[in-house]
Amino acid sequence: MKHLSAVYVVSLLAFFSMPAADAEVFKCINPDGKISYSEKKEANAQCSLVTTPINVVPATSAAPASRSNAEGVGKLDASRGQIAEQERALVEAKKALTEQEGIRLGDEKNYQRVLDRLKPYQDKVAEIEKKLAQLREEQGKAK
């Protein structure tokens, strides 16, 4: 019986020595308007007792932006500018191609001559579309 009572006493001591889970928590607002929660009232702050349950999540430290990350953001901005530039060039090239398709010169009785005249405009549109696709692919990889 002595063994059982010793275990009982030890478990009671362990139970009463544990910190209370229902400790008072204060919500304090400092003069700058910053809100903080603490077990003690802060000096120079308006504090009120919190009566609703609070879930506490440990804070994680934010990693500082590395230089390579900043360079990556700069590259993304540069690629966005290049994409916008290529999109404008594509609109202009398509406009020029459409204008040329609407023209029929007097010496183009053979349709092959029309195709030959349009070929550089079509090549320009295809070249810009290809470059635009490459830029978008690179931008997608950079993200």
Protein backbone atom coordinates (compact mmCIF):
# COMPACT_ATOMS: atom_id res chain seq x y z
CA MET A 1 0.00 0.00 0.00
CA LYS A 2 2.87 2.37 0.73
CA HIS A 3 4.04 2.03 -2.88
CA LEU A 4 0.61 3.01 -4.22
CA SER A 5 0.30 6.06 -1.96
CA ALA A 6 3.78 7.29 -2.99
CA VAL A 7 2.80 7.14 -6.68
CA TYR A 8 -0.43 8.96 -5.82
CA VAL A 9 1.45 11.72 -3.99
CA VAL A 10 3.99 12.12 -6.82
CA SER A 11 1.23 12.36 -9.44
CA LEU A 12 -0.65 14.94 -7.36
CA LEU A 13 2.52 17.03 -6.99
CA ALA A 14 3.16 16.82 -10.74
CA PHE A 15 -0.43 17.85 -11.48
CA PHE A 16 -0.37 20.87 -9.19
CA SER A 17 3.07 22.00 -10.35
CA MET A 18 1.96 22.25 -14.00
CA PRO A 19 1.24 25.78 -15.24
CA ALA A 20 -2.38 26.70 -15.44
CA ALA A 21 -3.84 26.61 -18.92
CA ASP A 22 -6.38 29.27 -18.00
CA ALA A 23 -3.89 32.05 -17.28
CA GLU A 24 -5.18 35.58 -17.68
CA VAL A 25 -4.43 37.15 -21.04
CA PHE A 26 -4.55 40.87 -21.68
CA LYS A 27 -5.08 42.64 -24.98
CA CYS A 28 -3.06 45.84 -24.89
CA ILE A 29 -3.12 48.72 -27.36
CA ASN A 30 -0.08 50.98 -27.11
CA PRO A 31 -0.19 54.73 -27.93
CA ASP A 32 0.95 53.99 -31.51
CA GLY A 33 -2.08 51.72 -32.03
CA LYS A 34 -0.10 48.46 -32.03
CA ILE A 35 -2.01 45.56 -30.49
CA SER A 36 -0.26 42.94 -28.38
CA TYR A 37 -1.37 40.08 -26.15
CA SER A 38 0.40 39.30 -22.90
CA GLU A 39 -0.02 37.73 -19.49
CA LYS A 40 0.83 41.08 -17.91
CA LYS A 41 -0.60 44.52 -18.41
CA GLU A 42 1.79 46.75 -20.32
CA ALA A 43 2.71 50.19 -19.04
CA ASN A 44 1.43 53.15 -21.08
CA ALA A 45 -1.09 50.98 -22.92
CA GLN A 46 -4.84 50.44 -22.72
CA CYS A 47 -5.22 46.84 -21.59
CA SER A 48 -8.34 44.74 -21.23
CA LEU A 49 -8.80 41.18 -20.06
CA VAL A 50 -9.54 38.73 -22.89
CA THR A 51 -12.42 36.45 -21.99
CA THR A 52 -12.81 34.52 -25.25
CA PRO A 53 -10.56 31.53 -26.08
CA ILE A 54 -7.39 32.33 -28.04
CA ASN A 55 -5.54 30.01 -30.39
CA VAL A 56 -1.82 30.68 -30.33
CA VAL A 57 0.29 29.94 -33.39
CA PRO A 58 4.08 30.22 -33.11
CA ALA A 59 5.52 33.05 -35.17
CA THR A 60 7.73 32.18 -38.11
CA SER A 61 10.58 34.39 -39.12
CA ALA A 62 10.40 35.74 -42.63
CA ALA A 63 13.54 35.03 -44.58
CA PRO A 64 15.09 38.20 -45.93
CA ALA A 65 14.87 38.59 -49.67
CA SER A 66 18.07 37.29 -51.10
CA ARG A 67 19.93 39.08 -53.82
CA SER A 68 19.19 36.30 -56.28
CA ASN A 69 15.50 36.62 -55.46
CA ALA A 70 15.64 40.36 -56.09
CA GLU A 71 17.45 39.73 -59.35
CA GLY A 72 14.77 37.20 -60.28
CA VAL A 73 12.07 39.81 -59.69
CA GLY A 74 14.02 42.25 -61.84
CA LYS A 75 14.28 39.65 -64.58
CA LEU A 76 10.52 39.04 -64.39
CA ASP A 77 9.87 42.76 -64.78
CA ALA A 78 12.28 42.92 -67.71
CA SER A 79 10.64 39.92 -69.39
CA ARG A 80 7.21 41.50 -68.88
CA GLY A 81 8.48 44.61 -70.65
CA GLN A 82 9.89 42.52 -73.47
CA ILE A 83 6.61 40.62 -73.77
CA ALA A 84 4.63 43.86 -73.95
CA GLU A 85 7.03 45.18 -76.60
CA GLN A 86 6.72 42.00 -78.67
CA GLU A 87 2.92 42.06 -78.37
CA ARG A 88 2.88 45.61 -79.76
CA ALA A 89 5.22 44.56 -82.58
CA LEU A 90 2.96 41.58 -83.32
CA VAL A 91 -0.10 43.82 -83.59
CA GLU A 92 1.77 46.10 -86.00
CA ALA A 93 3.05 43.17 -88.10
CA LYS A 94 -0.42 41.63 -88.34
CA LYS A 95 -1.84 45.01 -89.32
CA ALA A 96 0.77 45.39 -92.08
CA LEU A 97 0.08 41.84 -93.31
CA THR A 98 -3.67 42.48 -93.40
CA GLU A 99 -3.12 45.69 -95.36
CA GLN A 100 -0.92 43.89 -97.87
CA GLU A 101 -3.43 41.07 -98.27
CA GLY A 102 -6.04 43.65 -99.27
CA ILE A 103 -3.83 45.08 -102.02
CA ARG A 104 -3.64 43.61 -105.51
CA LEU A 105 -0.96 45.09 -107.74
CA GLY A 106 -1.39 45.24 -111.52
CA ASP A 107 1.56 42.98 -112.30
CA GLU A 108 0.28 40.21 -109.99
CA LYS A 109 -1.85 38.35 -112.49
CA ASN A 110 -0.24 35.16 -111.24
CA TYR A 111 -1.24 34.43 -107.60
CA GLN A 112 2.27 33.17 -106.87
CA ARG A 113 3.47 36.77 -107.15
CA VAL A 114 0.96 37.76 -104.45
CA LEU A 115 2.23 34.96 -102.22
CA ASP A 116 5.83 36.02 -102.86
CA ARG A 117 4.99 39.62 -101.90
CA LEU A 118 3.18 38.54 -98.72
CA LYS A 119 5.89 36.07 -97.64
CA PRO A 120 8.10 38.64 -95.78
CA TYR A 121 5.06 39.93 -93.85
CA GLN A 122 4.00 36.41 -92.93
CA ASP A 123 7.58 35.56 -91.88
CA LYS A 124 7.71 38.66 -89.68
CA VAL A 125 4.45 37.68 -87.92
CA ALA A 126 5.69 34.10 -87.41
CA GLU A 127 9.06 35.34 -86.07
CA ILE A 128 7.42 37.66 -83.53
CA GLU A 129 4.96 34.95 -82.43
CA LYS A 130 7.85 32.52 -81.90
CA LYS A 131 9.85 35.05 -79.87
CA LEU A 132 6.77 35.92 -77.82
CA ALA A 133 6.17 32.24 -77.05
CA GLN A 134 9.81 31.87 -75.91
CA LEU A 135 9.55 34.91 -73.64
CA ARG A 136 6.35 33.63 -72.06
CA GLU A 137 7.93 30.22 -71.50
CA GLU A 138 10.98 31.81 -69.82
CA GLN A 139 8.71 33.96 -67.67
CA GLY A 140 6.74 30.86 -66.61
CA LYS A 141 9.97 29.10 -65.60
CA ALA A 142 11.19 32.15 -63.66
CA LYS A 143 8.08 32.21 -61.46
